[in-house]
Amino acid sequence: MADPPAVVLDTHALVRHAAGGRGLGPQAAALLGAVERREAIAYVPMAVVWEVSILARGVRINLHRSVRVFFADLFSNPAFQPHELTPAQIFDADELRFTRDPFDALICAAARDLDLPLVTRDLEIGQSGAVEVLW
């Protein structure tokens, strides 16, 4: 039996999915539907967790619960897996000079670490060629 498909999630992909999926690209929506059904795996880099917490604290997004509870709910589905931040990812992110956004660099480094596509609509990431992008 083949391994289920796996991807890494960018922050906006996770937030849009959590808000009901509006605005997701067709590939992203299909993949996240498969993750919800436990037919695929989505890795959530710690940089995404951190960025979501900053966005929620700054009232740029509304999770309708605390960040801790939001991620506890998310990770209660074993198809959503947290991906720890490592020194190697930090060094890789530092060498990704296509962006000045530290979160984008760390998220790309996580996708490279796992050798998986990144679910993002970020054009700068897509044009960089740093990772395979799905949307």
C-alpha atoms as a PDB file:
ATOM      1  CA  MET A   1       0.000   0.000   0.000  1.00  0.00           C
ATOM      2  CA  ALA A   2       1.383   3.425  -0.964  1.00  0.00           C
ATOM      3  CA  ASP A   3       1.965   6.107   1.624  1.00  0.00           C
ATOM      4  CA  PRO A   4      -0.775   8.742   1.765  1.00  0.00           C
ATOM      5  CA  PRO A   5       0.017  12.054   0.098  1.00  0.00           C
ATOM      6  CA  ALA A   6       1.659  14.575   2.396  1.00  0.00           C
ATOM      7  CA  VAL A   7       2.132  18.337   2.261  1.00  0.00           C
ATOM      8  CA  VAL A   8       3.316  21.229   4.385  1.00  0.00           C
ATOM      9  CA  LEU A   9       0.878  24.059   5.157  1.00  0.00           C
ATOM     10  CA  ASP A  10       1.600  27.756   4.882  1.00  0.00           C
ATOM     11  CA  THR A  11      -0.127  30.023   7.402  1.00  0.00           C
ATOM     12  CA  HIS A  12      -2.773  31.464   5.099  1.00  0.00           C
ATOM     13  CA  ALA A  13      -3.697  27.998   3.796  1.00  0.00           C
ATOM     14  CA  LEU A  14      -4.306  26.768   7.346  1.00  0.00           C
ATOM     15  CA  VAL A  15      -6.263  29.893   8.331  1.00  0.00           C
ATOM     16  CA  ARG A  16      -8.460  29.722   5.209  1.00  0.00           C
ATOM     17  CA  HIS A  17      -9.092  26.023   5.790  1.00  0.00           C
ATOM     18  CA  ALA A  18     -10.040  26.665   9.422  1.00  0.00           C
ATOM     19  CA  ALA A  19     -12.449  29.388   8.271  1.00  0.00           C
ATOM     20  CA  GLY A  20     -14.348  26.954   6.058  1.00  0.00           C
ATOM     21  CA  GLY A  21     -12.090  26.741   3.035  1.00  0.00           C
ATOM     22  CA  ARG A  22     -13.265  29.827   1.146  1.00  0.00           C
ATOM     23  CA  GLY A  23     -10.528  31.191  -1.064  1.00  0.00           C
ATOM     24  CA  LEU A  24      -8.484  27.995  -1.223  1.00  0.00           C
ATOM     25  CA  GLY A  25      -7.217  26.942  -4.619  1.00  0.00           C
ATOM     26  CA  PRO A  26      -8.634  23.710  -6.067  1.00  0.00           C
ATOM     27  CA  GLN A  27      -5.552  21.598  -5.267  1.00  0.00           C
ATOM     28  CA  ALA A  28      -5.355  23.028  -1.738  1.00  0.00           C
ATOM     29  CA  ALA A  29      -9.052  22.414  -1.093  1.00  0.00           C
ATOM     30  CA  ALA A  30      -8.860  18.827  -2.378  1.00  0.00           C
ATOM     31  CA  LEU A  31      -5.733  18.063  -0.336  1.00  0.00           C
ATOM     32  CA  LEU A  32      -7.135  19.556   2.858  1.00  0.00           C
ATOM     33  CA  GLY A  33     -10.372  17.632   2.350  1.00  0.00           C
ATOM     34  CA  ALA A  34      -8.289  14.456   2.103  1.00  0.00           C
ATOM     35  CA  VAL A  35      -6.434  15.433   5.291  1.00  0.00           C
ATOM     36  CA  GLU A  36      -9.739  15.913   7.123  1.00  0.00           C
ATOM     37  CA  ARG A  37     -10.754  12.412   5.992  1.00  0.00           C
ATOM     38  CA  ARG A  38      -7.329  11.122   7.130  1.00  0.00           C
ATOM     39  CA  GLU A  39      -6.417  10.142   3.576  1.00  0.00           C
ATOM     40  CA  ALA A  40      -3.453  12.543   3.488  1.00  0.00           C
ATOM     41  CA  ILE A  41      -1.081  14.179   5.970  1.00  0.00           C
ATOM     42  CA  ALA A  42      -0.524  17.898   6.482  1.00  0.00           C
ATOM     43  CA  TYR A  43       2.529  19.024   8.401  1.00  0.00           C
ATOM     44  CA  VAL A  44       2.215  22.300  10.268  1.00  0.00           C
ATOM     45  CA  PRO A  45       5.593  23.954  10.857  1.00  0.00           C
ATOM     46  CA  MET A  46       6.164  25.603  14.221  1.00  0.00           C
ATOM     47  CA  ALA A  47       6.665  28.866  12.316  1.00  0.00           C
ATOM     48  CA  VAL A  48       2.999  28.598  11.251  1.00  0.00           C
ATOM     49  CA  VAL A  49       1.900  28.048  14.851  1.00  0.00           C
ATOM     50  CA  TRP A  50       3.905  31.097  15.914  1.00  0.00           C
ATOM     51  CA  GLU A  51       2.619  33.271  13.055  1.00  0.00           C
ATOM     52  CA  VAL A  52      -0.999  32.286  13.775  1.00  0.00           C
ATOM     53  CA  SER A  53      -0.514  33.253  17.417  1.00  0.00           C
ATOM     54  CA  ILE A  54       0.866  36.667  16.405  1.00  0.00           C
ATOM     55  CA  LEU A  55      -2.005  37.244  13.969  1.00  0.00           C
ATOM     56  CA  ALA A  56      -4.580  36.257  16.595  1.00  0.00           C
ATOM     57  CA  ARG A  57      -2.979  38.438  19.275  1.00  0.00           C
ATOM     58  CA  GLY A  58      -2.972  41.389  16.886  1.00  0.00           C
ATOM     59  CA  VAL A  59      -6.641  40.686  16.079  1.00  0.00           C
ATOM     60  CA  ARG A  60      -5.841  40.163  12.391  1.00  0.00           C
ATOM     61  CA  ILE A  61      -7.592  36.779  12.564  1.00  0.00           C
ATOM     62  CA  ASN A  62     -10.261  35.422  14.893  1.00  0.00           C
ATOM     63  CA  LEU A  63      -9.841  31.794  15.902  1.00  0.00           C
ATOM     64  CA  HIS A  64     -12.953  31.899  18.143  1.00  0.00           C
ATOM     65  CA  ARG A  65     -10.867  30.320  20.895  1.00  0.00           C
ATOM     66  CA  SER A  66      -7.388  30.543  22.317  1.00  0.00           C
ATOM     67  CA  VAL A  67      -4.416  29.651  20.134  1.00  0.00           C
ATOM     68  CA  ARG A  68      -3.650  26.742  22.445  1.00  0.00           C
ATOM     69  CA  VAL A  69      -7.173  25.319  22.067  1.00  0.00           C
ATOM     70  CA  PHE A  70      -7.201  25.971  18.309  1.00  0.00           C
ATOM     71  CA  PHE A  71      -4.064  23.882  17.793  1.00  0.00           C
ATOM     72  CA  ALA A  72      -5.165  21.220  20.289  1.00  0.00           C
ATOM     73  CA  ASP A  73      -8.339  20.836  18.214  1.00  0.00           C
ATOM     74  CA  LEU A  74      -6.366  20.789  14.950  1.00  0.00           C
ATOM     75  CA  PHE A  75      -3.842  18.226  16.159  1.00  0.00           C
ATOM     76  CA  SER A  76      -6.593  16.006  17.592  1.00  0.00           C
ATOM     77  CA  ASN A  77      -6.862  14.821  13.988  1.00  0.00           C
ATOM     78  CA  PRO A  78      -3.668  12.751  13.588  1.00  0.00           C
ATOM     79  CA  ALA A  79      -3.531  13.685   9.897  1.00  0.00           C
ATOM     80  CA  PHE A  80      -2.451  17.189  10.985  1.00  0.00           C
ATOM     81  CA  GLN A  81       1.069  16.845  12.342  1.00  0.00           C
ATOM     82  CA  PRO A  82       3.182  19.518  14.022  1.00  0.00           C
ATOM     83  CA  HIS A  83       6.673  19.831  12.573  1.00  0.00           C
ATOM     84  CA  GLU A  84       9.321  20.924  15.053  1.00  0.00           C
ATOM     85  CA  LEU A  85      11.748  23.715  14.290  1.00  0.00           C
ATOM     86  CA  THR A  86      15.391  22.643  14.152  1.00  0.00           C
ATOM     87  CA  PRO A  87      18.694  24.505  13.921  1.00  0.00           C
ATOM     88  CA  ALA A  88      19.160  23.075  10.408  1.00  0.00           C
ATOM     89  CA  GLN A  89      15.889  24.702   9.314  1.00  0.00           C
ATOM     90  CA  ILE A  90      16.984  28.029  10.779  1.00  0.00           C
ATOM     91  CA  PHE A  91      20.265  27.873   8.854  1.00  0.00           C
ATOM     92  CA  ASP A  92      18.413  26.870   5.663  1.00  0.00           C
ATOM     93  CA  ALA A  93      15.924  29.732   6.155  1.00  0.00           C
ATOM     94  CA  ASP A  94      18.809  32.150   6.583  1.00  0.00           C
ATOM     95  CA  GLU A  95      20.211  31.062   3.222  1.00  0.00           C
ATOM     96  CA  LEU A  96      16.866  31.518   1.422  1.00  0.00           C
ATOM     97  CA  ARG A  97      17.450  35.068   0.276  1.00  0.00           C
ATOM     98  CA  PHE A  98      14.356  35.382  -1.934  1.00  0.00           C
ATOM     99  CA  THR A  99      12.304  36.827   0.937  1.00  0.00           C
ATOM    100  CA  ARG A 100      12.777  39.134   3.887  1.00  0.00           C
ATOM    101  CA  ASP A 101       9.800  37.532   5.666  1.00  0.00           C
ATOM    102  CA  PRO A 102      11.247  35.281   8.377  1.00  0.00           C
ATOM    103  CA  PHE A 103       8.062  33.211   8.594  1.00  0.00           C
ATOM    104  CA  ASP A 104       8.044  32.477   4.856  1.00  0.00           C
ATOM    105  CA  ALA A 105      11.706  31.490   5.017  1.00  0.00           C
ATOM    106  CA  LEU A 106      11.155  29.174   8.009  1.00  0.00           C
ATOM    107  CA  ILE A 107       8.052  27.618   6.442  1.00  0.00           C
ATOM    108  CA  CYS A 108       9.951  26.954   3.193  1.00  0.00           C
ATOM    109  CA  ALA A 109      12.814  25.480   5.218  1.00  0.00           C
ATOM    110  CA  ALA A 110      10.343  23.106   6.901  1.00  0.00           C
ATOM    111  CA  ALA A 111       8.995  21.991   3.500  1.00  0.00           C
ATOM    112  CA  ARG A 112      12.561  21.437   2.299  1.00  0.00           C
ATOM    113  CA  ASP A 113      13.379  19.544   5.497  1.00  0.00           C
ATOM    114  CA  LEU A 114      10.464  17.193   4.859  1.00  0.00           C
ATOM    115  CA  ASP A 115      11.027  17.195   1.065  1.00  0.00           C
ATOM    116  CA  LEU A 116       7.314  17.882   0.528  1.00  0.00           C
ATOM    117  CA  PRO A 117       5.280  20.410  -1.446  1.00  0.00           C
ATOM    118  CA  LEU A 118       4.078  23.556   0.304  1.00  0.00           C
ATOM    119  CA  VAL A 119       0.400  24.495   0.158  1.00  0.00           C
ATOM    120  CA  THR A 120       0.577  28.237  -0.490  1.00  0.00           C
ATOM    121  CA  ARG A 121      -0.651  30.886  -2.878  1.00  0.00           C
ATOM    122  CA  ASP A 122       2.338  33.112  -2.101  1.00  0.00           C
ATOM    123  CA  LEU A 123       3.655  34.166  -5.503  1.00  0.00           C
ATOM    124  CA  GLU A 124       7.080  35.117  -4.151  1.00  0.00           C
ATOM    125  CA  ILE A 125       7.544  31.599  -2.780  1.00  0.00           C
ATOM    126  CA  GLY A 126       6.261  30.029  -6.004  1.00  0.00           C
ATOM    127  CA  GLN A 127       8.517  32.134  -8.191  1.00  0.00           C
ATOM    128  CA  SER A 128      11.562  31.463  -6.002  1.00  0.00           C
ATOM    129  CA  GLY A 129      11.704  27.769  -6.876  1.00  0.00           C
ATOM    130  CA  ALA A 130      12.786  27.069  -3.290  1.00  0.00           C
ATOM    131  CA  VAL A 131      10.021  24.492  -2.875  1.00  0.00           C
ATOM    132  CA  GLU A 132       7.292  22.834  -4.905  1.00  0.00           C
ATOM    133  CA  VAL A 133       4.067  24.788  -4.469  1.00  0.00           C
ATOM    134  CA  LEU A 134       0.477  23.567  -4.607  1.00  0.00           C
ATOM    135  CA  TRP A 135      -2.587  25.778  -4.565  1.00  0.00           C
END
